Structures are given as structure tokens and as C-alpha cells.
């Protein structure tokens, strides 16, 4: 996931944090695909991402609506981003 975000950021000429904000902004407005079960494996922590208050509010509202954590909403959004990009290769 981190590598895909690095590629996205590099291609768009933005930071990884900005790439995450862009992915969240696009993803929060639509339903998530059926999430694959969590698979433990190599983990790379993403640094905290500063985001506009309205985006944070939307992410928190989505988490409450789906009865999951904010981190899970972010994970699902990034997972959908990765699955979409895998289909383009």
C-alpha cells in the first residue's frame, strides 16, 4: 500500500500525505467495495495526515454510520484505491 501511494504521489507531484487526502476525498463519496478480510503481514505505519476539517468530519460520519473505526474507513478507502489501480496494470 505504501509503495502504491508513493507511486501515486510521485506521479501527481504531491506528498504521500496529499495523495492519501486525495484518495479519501474521492472514496468517501461512494460506497466501498466489499472489503477483503484483513490479512496480517508486513505493516508500514503511515504518518498522521493533516486534512481539512470537512473531510475529517465526513470520514468520522462514515465510520459512525458503518460502525467501524476511523482507521478502518481509511483502510477501506486505500484498499479500494489499490484494487482500482491493480486493475489498470
PDB file of N, CA and C in Angstrom:
ATOM      1  N   UNK A   1       0.826  -1.180   0.000  1.00  0.00           N
ATOM      2  CA  UNK A   1       0.000   0.000   0.000  1.00  0.00           C
ATOM      3  C   UNK A   1       0.875   1.250   0.000  1.00  0.00           C
ATOM      4  N   UNK A   2       1.898   1.232   0.836  1.00  0.00           N
ATOM      5  CA  UNK A   2       2.796   2.387   0.927  1.00  0.00           C
ATOM      6  C   UNK A   2       3.469   2.646  -0.410  1.00  0.00           C
ATOM      7  N   UNK A   3       3.905   1.579  -1.064  1.00  0.00           N
ATOM      8  CA  UNK A   3       4.572   1.726  -2.361  1.00  0.00           C
ATOM      9  C   UNK A   3       3.611   2.302  -3.403  1.00  0.00           C
ATOM     10  N   UNK A   4       2.376   1.829  -3.414  1.00  0.00           N
ATOM     11  CA  UNK A   4       1.396   2.347  -4.373  1.00  0.00           C
ATOM     12  C   UNK A   4       1.120   3.820  -4.117  1.00  0.00           C
ATOM     13  N   UNK A   5       1.061   4.204  -2.852  1.00  0.00           N
ATOM     14  CA  UNK A   5       0.851   5.617  -2.524  1.00  0.00           C
ATOM     15  C   UNK A   5       2.059   6.459  -2.935  1.00  0.00           C
ATOM     16  N   UNK A   6       3.260   5.904  -2.782  1.00  0.00           N
ATOM     17  CA  UNK A   6       4.462   6.626  -3.224  1.00  0.00           C
ATOM     18  C   UNK A   6       4.416   6.868  -4.724  1.00  0.00           C
ATOM     19  N   UNK A   7       4.007   5.863  -5.477  1.00  0.00           N
ATOM     20  CA  UNK A   7       3.910   5.991  -6.934  1.00  0.00           C
ATOM     21  C   UNK A   7       2.860   7.042  -7.285  1.00  0.00           C
ATOM     22  N   UNK A   8       1.688   6.957  -6.633  1.00  0.00           N
ATOM     23  CA  UNK A   8       0.614   7.924  -6.883  1.00  0.00           C
ATOM     24  C   UNK A   8       1.102   9.339  -6.585  1.00  0.00           C
ATOM     25  N   UNK A   9       1.765   9.502  -5.456  1.00  0.00           N
ATOM     26  CA  UNK A   9       2.255  10.822  -5.058  1.00  0.00           C
ATOM     27  C   UNK A   9       3.277  11.342  -6.058  1.00  0.00           C
ATOM     28  N   UNK A  10       4.193  10.483  -6.445  1.00  0.00           N
ATOM     29  CA  UNK A  10       5.240  10.879  -7.381  1.00  0.00           C
ATOM     30  C   UNK A  10       4.640  11.264  -8.737  1.00  0.00           C
ATOM     31  N   UNK A  11       3.700  10.458  -9.208  1.00  0.00           N
ATOM     32  CA  UNK A  11       3.060  10.722 -10.491  1.00  0.00           C
ATOM     33  C   UNK A  11       2.316  12.055 -10.474  1.00  0.00           C
ATOM     34  N   UNK A  12       1.643  12.323  -9.352  1.00  0.00           N
ATOM     35  CA  UNK A  12       0.851  13.555  -9.234  1.00  0.00           C
ATOM     36  C   UNK A  12       1.691  14.752  -8.791  1.00  0.00           C
ATOM     37  N   UNK A  13       2.944  14.498  -8.413  1.00  0.00           N
ATOM     38  CA  UNK A  13       3.814  15.589  -7.963  1.00  0.00           C
ATOM     39  C   UNK A  13       3.402  16.150  -6.621  1.00  0.00           C
ATOM     40  N   UNK A  14       2.895  15.262  -5.736  1.00  0.00           N
ATOM     41  CA  UNK A  14       2.467  15.690  -4.404  1.00  0.00           C
ATOM     42  C   UNK A  14       3.114  14.801  -3.348  1.00  0.00           C
ATOM     43  N   UNK A  15       2.916  15.153  -2.086  1.00  0.00           N
ATOM     44  CA  UNK A  15       3.424  14.326  -0.990  1.00  0.00           C
ATOM     45  C   UNK A  15       2.524  13.104  -0.803  1.00  0.00           C
ATOM     46  N   UNK A  16       3.021  12.133  -0.068  1.00  0.00           N
ATOM     47  CA  UNK A  16       2.203  10.958   0.241  1.00  0.00           C
ATOM     48  C   UNK A  16       0.972  11.383   1.037  1.00  0.00           C
ATOM     49  N   UNK A  17       1.146  12.299   1.964  1.00  0.00           N
ATOM     50  CA  UNK A  17       0.003  12.775   2.753  1.00  0.00           C
ATOM     51  C   UNK A  17      -1.067  13.374   1.845  1.00  0.00           C
ATOM     52  N   UNK A  18      -0.658  14.142   0.855  1.00  0.00           N
ATOM     53  CA  UNK A  18      -1.626  14.725  -0.076  1.00  0.00           C
ATOM     54  C   UNK A  18      -2.278  13.636  -0.923  1.00  0.00           C
ATOM     55  N   UNK A  19      -1.518  12.625  -1.307  1.00  0.00           N
ATOM     56  CA  UNK A  19      -2.097  11.511  -2.067  1.00  0.00           C
ATOM     57  C   UNK A  19      -3.164  10.805  -1.227  1.00  0.00           C
ATOM     58  N   UNK A  20      -2.905  10.607   0.058  1.00  0.00           N
ATOM     59  CA  UNK A  20      -3.892   9.987   0.951  1.00  0.00           C
ATOM     60  C   UNK A  20      -5.133  10.871   1.039  1.00  0.00           C
ATOM     61  N   UNK A  21      -4.955  12.179   1.196  1.00  0.00           N
ATOM     62  CA  UNK A  21      -6.105  13.096   1.246  1.00  0.00           C
ATOM     63  C   UNK A  21      -6.928  13.004  -0.038  1.00  0.00           C
ATOM     64  N   UNK A  22      -6.249  12.938  -1.181  1.00  0.00           N
ATOM     65  CA  UNK A  22      -6.956  12.847  -2.459  1.00  0.00           C
ATOM     66  C   UNK A  22      -7.748  11.545  -2.564  1.00  0.00           C
ATOM     67  N   UNK A  23      -7.126  10.452  -2.149  1.00  0.00           N
ATOM     68  CA  UNK A  23      -7.811   9.158  -2.182  1.00  0.00           C
ATOM     69  C   UNK A  23      -9.034   9.190  -1.267  1.00  0.00           C
ATOM     70  N   UNK A  24      -8.877   9.721  -0.065  1.00  0.00           N
ATOM     71  CA  UNK A  24     -10.001   9.789   0.876  1.00  0.00           C
ATOM     72  C   UNK A  24     -11.125  10.669   0.336  1.00  0.00           C
ATOM     73  N   UNK A  25     -10.764  11.790  -0.235  1.00  0.00           N
ATOM     74  CA  UNK A  25     -11.770  12.706  -0.766  1.00  0.00           C
ATOM     75  C   UNK A  25     -12.602  12.029  -1.848  1.00  0.00           C
ATOM     76  N   UNK A  26     -11.956  11.284  -2.734  1.00  0.00           N
ATOM     77  CA  UNK A  26     -12.688  10.585  -3.795  1.00  0.00           C
ATOM     78  C   UNK A  26     -13.500   9.415  -3.235  1.00  0.00           C
ATOM     79  N   UNK A  27     -12.903   8.679  -2.310  1.00  0.00           N
ATOM     80  CA  UNK A  27     -13.528   7.446  -1.823  1.00  0.00           C
ATOM     81  C   UNK A  27     -14.693   7.682  -0.883  1.00  0.00           C
ATOM     82  N   UNK A  28     -14.659   8.742  -0.110  1.00  0.00           N
ATOM     83  CA  UNK A  28     -15.663   8.940   0.934  1.00  0.00           C
ATOM     84  C   UNK A  28     -17.050   9.191   0.351  1.00  0.00           C
ATOM     85  N   UNK A  29     -17.113   9.622  -0.879  1.00  0.00           N
ATOM     86  CA  UNK A  29     -18.391   9.963  -1.503  1.00  0.00           C
ATOM     87  C   UNK A  29     -19.113   8.769  -2.119  1.00  0.00           C
ATOM     88  N   UNK A  30     -18.481   7.618  -2.148  1.00  0.00           N
ATOM     89  CA  UNK A  30     -19.118   6.464  -2.786  1.00  0.00           C
ATOM     90  C   UNK A  30     -19.022   5.244  -1.873  1.00  0.00           C
ATOM     91  N   UNK A  31     -19.840   4.234  -2.135  1.00  0.00           N
ATOM     92  CA  UNK A  31     -19.762   3.021  -1.311  1.00  0.00           C
ATOM     93  C   UNK A  31     -18.418   2.325  -1.524  1.00  0.00           C
ATOM     94  N   UNK A  32     -17.933   1.709  -0.475  1.00  0.00           N
ATOM     95  CA  UNK A  32     -16.706   0.925  -0.608  1.00  0.00           C
ATOM     96  C   UNK A  32     -17.054  -0.418  -1.230  1.00  0.00           C
ATOM     97  N   UNK A  33     -16.085  -0.993  -1.928  1.00  0.00           N
ATOM     98  CA  UNK A  33     -16.276  -2.344  -2.444  1.00  0.00           C
ATOM     99  C   UNK A  33     -16.258  -3.297  -1.255  1.00  0.00           C
ATOM    100  N   UNK A  34     -16.676  -4.519  -1.499  1.00  0.00           N
ATOM    101  CA  UNK A  34     -16.633  -5.497  -0.412  1.00  0.00           C
ATOM    102  C   UNK A  34     -15.177  -5.658   0.009  1.00  0.00           C
ATOM    103  N   UNK A  35     -14.940  -5.367   1.244  1.00  0.00           N
ATOM    104  CA  UNK A  35     -13.578  -5.385   1.759  1.00  0.00           C
ATOM    105  C   UNK A  35     -13.063  -6.804   1.895  1.00  0.00           C
ATOM    106  N   UNK A  36     -11.827  -6.985   1.472  1.00  0.00           N
ATOM    107  CA  UNK A  36     -11.180  -8.270   1.699  1.00  0.00           C
ATOM    108  C   UNK A  36     -10.928  -8.388   3.200  1.00  0.00           C
ATOM    109  N   UNK A  37     -10.982  -9.590   3.726  1.00  0.00           N
ATOM    110  CA  UNK A  37     -10.664  -9.737   5.148  1.00  0.00           C
ATOM    111  C   UNK A  37      -9.250  -9.236   5.424  1.00  0.00           C
ATOM    112  N   UNK A  38      -9.053  -8.724   6.609  1.00  0.00           N
ATOM    113  CA  UNK A  38      -7.734  -8.238   6.985  1.00  0.00           C
ATOM    114  C   UNK A  38      -6.746  -9.381   6.959  1.00  0.00           C
ATOM    115  N   UNK A  39      -5.654  -9.182   6.271  1.00  0.00           N
ATOM    116  CA  UNK A  39      -4.612 -10.200   6.200  1.00  0.00           C
ATOM    117  C   UNK A  39      -3.368  -9.657   6.864  1.00  0.00           C
ATOM    118  N   UNK A  40      -2.972 -10.275   7.973  1.00  0.00           N
ATOM    119  CA  UNK A  40      -1.751  -9.796   8.621  1.00  0.00           C
ATOM    120  C   UNK A  40      -0.560  -9.967   7.694  1.00  0.00           C
ATOM    121  N   UNK A  41       0.366  -9.108   7.813  1.00  0.00           N
ATOM    122  CA  UNK A  41       1.565  -9.172   7.001  1.00  0.00           C
ATOM    123  C   UNK A  41       2.447  -7.998   7.350  1.00  0.00           C
ATOM    124  N   UNK A  42       3.353  -7.693   6.463  1.00  0.00           N
ATOM    125  CA  UNK A  42       4.247  -6.569   6.700  1.00  0.00           C
ATOM    126  C   UNK A  42       3.417  -5.308   6.873  1.00  0.00           C
ATOM    127  N   UNK A  43       3.719  -4.538   7.881  1.00  0.00           N
ATOM    128  CA  UNK A  43       2.965  -3.324   8.169  1.00  0.00           C
ATOM    129  C   UNK A  43       3.913  -2.137   8.135  1.00  0.00           C
ATOM    130  N   UNK A  44       3.490  -1.081   7.496  1.00  0.00           N
ATOM    131  CA  UNK A  44       4.218   0.174   7.486  1.00  0.00           C
ATOM    132  C   UNK A  44       3.240   1.225   7.975  1.00  0.00           C
ATOM    133  N   UNK A  45       3.576   1.883   9.053  1.00  0.00           N
ATOM    134  CA  UNK A  45       2.687   2.900   9.591  1.00  0.00           C
ATOM    135  C   UNK A  45       2.757   4.143   8.716  1.00  0.00           C
ATOM    136  N   UNK A  46       1.607   4.662   8.357  1.00  0.00           N
ATOM    137  CA  UNK A  46       1.552   5.927   7.648  1.00  0.00           C
ATOM    138  C   UNK A  46       1.584   7.027   8.699  1.00  0.00           C
ATOM    139  N   UNK A  47       2.323   8.043   8.422  1.00  0.00           N
ATOM    140  CA  UNK A  47       2.380   9.166   9.362  1.00  0.00           C
ATOM    141  C   UNK A  47       0.995   9.791   9.468  1.00  0.00           C
ATOM    142  N   UNK A  48       0.713  10.445  10.577  1.00  0.00           N
ATOM    143  CA  UNK A  48      -0.574  11.139  10.679  1.00  0.00           C
ATOM    144  C   UNK A  48      -0.744  12.096   9.499  1.00  0.00           C
ATOM    145  N   UNK A  49      -1.942  12.174   9.007  1.00  0.00           N
ATOM    146  CA  UNK A  49      -2.229  13.007   7.851  1.00  0.00           C
ATOM    147  C   UNK A  49      -3.111  14.168   8.292  1.00  0.00           C
ATOM    148  N   UNK A  50      -2.644  15.358   8.057  1.00  0.00           N
ATOM    149  CA  UNK A  50      -3.443  16.546   8.317  1.00  0.00           C
ATOM    150  C   UNK A  50      -4.429  16.679   7.169  1.00  0.00           C
ATOM    151  N   UNK A  51      -5.700  16.916   7.511  1.00  0.00           N
ATOM    152  CA  UNK A  51      -6.727  17.010   6.473  1.00  0.00           C
ATOM    153  C   UNK A  51      -7.703  18.121   6.821  1.00  0.00           C
ATOM    154  N   UNK A  52      -8.382  18.653   5.818  1.00  0.00           N
ATOM    155  CA  UNK A  52      -9.384  19.688   6.082  1.00  0.00           C
ATOM    156  C   UNK A  52     -10.467  19.156   7.026  1.00  0.00           C
ATOM    157  N   UNK A  53     -10.992  20.037   7.858  1.00  0.00           N
ATOM    158  CA  UNK A  53     -11.987  19.650   8.849  1.00  0.00           C
ATOM    159  C   UNK A  53     -13.205  18.993   8.213  1.00  0.00           C
ATOM    160  N   UNK A  54     -13.626  19.470   7.033  1.00  0.00           N
ATOM    161  CA  UNK A  54     -14.812  18.872   6.411  1.00  0.00           C
ATOM    162  C   UNK A  54     -14.555  17.426   5.986  1.00  0.00           C
ATOM    163  N   UNK A  55     -13.342  17.126   5.518  1.00  0.00           N
ATOM    164  CA  UNK A  55     -13.008  15.755   5.151  1.00  0.00           C
ATOM    165  C   UNK A  55     -12.962  14.874   6.393  1.00  0.00           C
ATOM    166  N   UNK A  56     -12.353  15.366   7.460  1.00  0.00           N
ATOM    167  CA  UNK A  56     -12.292  14.602   8.710  1.00  0.00           C
ATOM    168  C   UNK A  56     -13.707  14.326   9.212  1.00  0.00           C
ATOM    169  N   UNK A  57     -14.572  15.327   9.142  1.00  0.00           N
ATOM    170  CA  UNK A  57     -15.956  15.139   9.557  1.00  0.00           C
ATOM    171  C   UNK A  57     -16.659  14.071   8.742  1.00  0.00           C
ATOM    172  N   UNK A  58     -16.427  14.068   7.439  1.00  0.00           N
ATOM    173  CA  UNK A  58     -17.046  13.064   6.570  1.00  0.00           C
ATOM    174  C   UNK A  58     -16.524  11.663   6.883  1.00  0.00           C
ATOM    175  N   UNK A  59     -15.232  11.559   7.142  1.00  0.00           N
ATOM    176  CA  UNK A  59     -14.641  10.254   7.481  1.00  0.00           C
ATOM    177  C   UNK A  59     -15.218   9.761   8.810  1.00  0.00           C
ATOM    178  N   UNK A  60     -15.311  10.641   9.796  1.00  0.00           N
ATOM    179  CA  UNK A  60     -15.867  10.248  11.099  1.00  0.00           C
ATOM    180  C   UNK A  60     -17.337   9.854  10.972  1.00  0.00           C
ATOM    181  N   UNK A  61     -18.099  10.603  10.179  1.00  0.00           N
ATOM    182  CA  UNK A  61     -19.508  10.277   9.979  1.00  0.00           C
ATOM    183  C   UNK A  61     -19.651   8.921   9.290  1.00  0.00           C
ATOM    184  N   UNK A  62     -18.807   8.670   8.318  1.00  0.00           N
ATOM    185  CA  UNK A  62     -18.845   7.379   7.607  1.00  0.00           C
ATOM    186  C   UNK A  62     -18.512   6.244   8.567  1.00  0.00           C
ATOM    187  N   UNK A  63     -17.535   6.458   9.425  1.00  0.00           N
ATOM    188  CA  UNK A  63     -17.160   5.445  10.410  1.00  0.00           C
ATOM    189  C   UNK A  63     -18.324   5.159  11.356  1.00  0.00           C
ATOM    190  N   UNK A  64     -18.982   6.199  11.821  1.00  0.00           N
ATOM    191  CA  UNK A  64     -20.125   6.022  12.716  1.00  0.00           C
ATOM    192  C   UNK A  64     -21.258   5.288  12.011  1.00  0.00           C
ATOM    193  N   UNK A  65     -21.543   5.667  10.778  1.00  0.00           N
ATOM    194  CA  UNK A  65     -22.611   5.043  10.001  1.00  0.00           C
ATOM    195  C   UNK A  65     -22.351   3.554   9.782  1.00  0.00           C
ATOM    196  N   UNK A  66     -21.092   3.219   9.513  1.00  0.00           N
ATOM    197  CA  UNK A  66     -20.742   1.823   9.235  1.00  0.00           C
ATOM    198  C   UNK A  66     -20.324   1.071  10.495  1.00  0.00           C
ATOM    199  N   UNK A  67     -20.324   1.762  11.618  1.00  0.00           N
ATOM    200  CA  UNK A  67     -19.968   1.184  12.915  1.00  0.00           C
ATOM    201  C   UNK A  67     -18.584   0.531  12.899  1.00  0.00           C
ATOM    202  N   UNK A  68     -17.640   1.298  12.354  1.00  0.00           N
ATOM    203  CA  UNK A  68     -16.242   0.876  12.331  1.00  0.00           C
ATOM    204  C   UNK A  68     -15.401   2.060  12.791  1.00  0.00           C
ATOM    205  N   UNK A  69     -14.129   1.835  12.988  1.00  0.00           N
ATOM    206  CA  UNK A  69     -13.235   2.908  13.401  1.00  0.00           C
ATOM    207  C   UNK A  69     -12.882   3.809  12.221  1.00  0.00           C
ATOM    208  N   UNK A  70     -12.398   4.989  12.539  1.00  0.00           N
ATOM    209  CA  UNK A  70     -11.905   5.904  11.505  1.00  0.00           C
ATOM    210  C   UNK A  70     -10.768   5.228  10.738  1.00  0.00           C
ATOM    211  N   UNK A  71      -9.900   4.537  11.453  1.00  0.00           N
ATOM    212  CA  UNK A  71      -8.791   3.837  10.796  1.00  0.00           C
ATOM    213  C   UNK A  71      -9.302   2.812   9.782  1.00  0.00           C
ATOM    214  N   UNK A  72     -10.414   2.142  10.115  1.00  0.00           N
ATOM    215  CA  UNK A  72     -10.982   1.158   9.190  1.00  0.00           C
ATOM    216  C   UNK A  72     -11.539   1.833   7.945  1.00  0.00           C
ATOM    217  N   UNK A  73     -12.149   2.995   8.092  1.00  0.00           N
ATOM    218  CA  UNK A  73     -12.638   3.733   6.924  1.00  0.00           C
ATOM    219  C   UNK A  73     -11.459   4.112   6.026  1.00  0.00           C
ATOM    220  N   UNK A  74     -10.385   4.593   6.625  1.00  0.00           N
ATOM    221  CA  UNK A  74      -9.187   4.953   5.854  1.00  0.00           C
ATOM    222  C   UNK A  74      -8.625   3.713   5.169  1.00  0.00           C
ATOM    223  N   UNK A  75      -8.547   2.594   5.897  1.00  0.00           N
ATOM    224  CA  UNK A  75      -8.017   1.355   5.319  1.00  0.00           C
ATOM    225  C   UNK A  75      -8.863   0.919   4.125  1.00  0.00           C
ATOM    226  N   UNK A  76     -10.180   0.969   4.263  1.00  0.00           N
ATOM    227  CA  UNK A  76     -11.057   0.564   3.163  1.00  0.00           C
ATOM    228  C   UNK A  76     -10.906   1.482   1.954  1.00  0.00           C
ATOM    229  N   UNK A  77     -10.788   2.772   2.197  1.00  0.00           N
ATOM    230  CA  UNK A  77     -10.610   3.714   1.092  1.00  0.00           C
ATOM    231  C   UNK A  77      -9.306   3.441   0.356  1.00  0.00           C
ATOM    232  N   UNK A  78      -8.247   3.235   1.113  1.00  0.00           N
ATOM    233  CA  UNK A  78      -6.951   2.954   0.487  1.00  0.00           C
ATOM    234  C   UNK A  78      -6.959   1.596  -0.205  1.00  0.00           C
ATOM    235  N   UNK A  79      -7.642   0.622   0.383  1.00  0.00           N
ATOM    236  CA  UNK A  79      -7.753  -0.695  -0.229  1.00  0.00           C
ATOM    237  C   UNK A  79      -8.474  -0.605  -1.576  1.00  0.00           C
ATOM    238  N   UNK A  80      -9.571   0.161  -1.624  1.00  0.00           N
ATOM    239  CA  UNK A  80     -10.283   0.343  -2.889  1.00  0.00           C
ATOM    240  C   UNK A  80      -9.396   1.021  -3.927  1.00  0.00           C
ATOM    241  N   UNK A  81      -8.615   2.016  -3.487  1.00  0.00           N
ATOM    242  CA  UNK A  81      -7.676   2.703  -4.371  1.00  0.00           C
ATOM    243  C   UNK A  81      -6.683   1.705  -4.964  1.00  0.00           C
ATOM    244  N   UNK A  82      -6.139   0.837  -4.110  1.00  0.00           N
ATOM    245  CA  UNK A  82      -5.168  -0.151  -4.585  1.00  0.00           C
ATOM    246  C   UNK A  82      -5.811  -1.136  -5.548  1.00  0.00           C
ATOM    247  N   UNK A  83      -7.010  -1.609  -5.225  1.00  0.00           N
ATOM    248  CA  UNK A  83      -7.685  -2.562  -6.116  1.00  0.00           C
ATOM    249  C   UNK A  83      -8.006  -1.924  -7.453  1.00  0.00           C
ATOM    250  N   UNK A  84      -8.397  -0.663  -7.461  1.00  0.00           N
ATOM    251  CA  UNK A  84      -8.681   0.056  -8.699  1.00  0.00           C
ATOM    252  C   UNK A  84      -7.407   0.160  -9.535  1.00  0.00           C
ATOM    253  N   UNK A  85      -6.291   0.506  -8.899  1.00  0.00           N
ATOM    254  CA  UNK A  85      -5.035   0.656  -9.630  1.00  0.00           C
ATOM    255  C   UNK A  85      -4.494  -0.675 -10.113  1.00  0.00           C
ATOM    256  N   UNK A  86      -4.719  -1.759  -9.362  1.00  0.00           N
ATOM    257  CA  UNK A  86      -4.264  -3.073  -9.806  1.00  0.00           C
ATOM    258  C   UNK A  86      -4.972  -3.475 -11.099  1.00  0.00           C
ATOM    259  N   UNK A  87      -6.228  -3.074 -11.246  1.00  0.00           N
ATOM    260  CA  UNK A  87      -6.989  -3.400 -12.446  1.00  0.00           C
ATOM    261  C   UNK A  87      -6.507  -2.659 -13.670  1.00  0.00           C
ATOM    262  N   UNK A  88      -5.750  -1.582 -13.493  1.00  0.00           N
ATOM    263  CA  UNK A  88      -5.232  -0.791 -14.617  1.00  0.00           C
ATOM    264  C   UNK A  88      -3.925  -1.341 -15.157  1.00  0.00           C
ATOM    265  N   UNK A  89      -3.285  -2.183 -14.386  1.00  0.00           N
ATOM    266  CA  UNK A  89      -1.949  -2.688 -14.799  1.00  0.00           C
ATOM    267  C   UNK A  89      -2.064  -3.821 -15.776  1.00  0.00           C
TER     268      UNK A  89
END
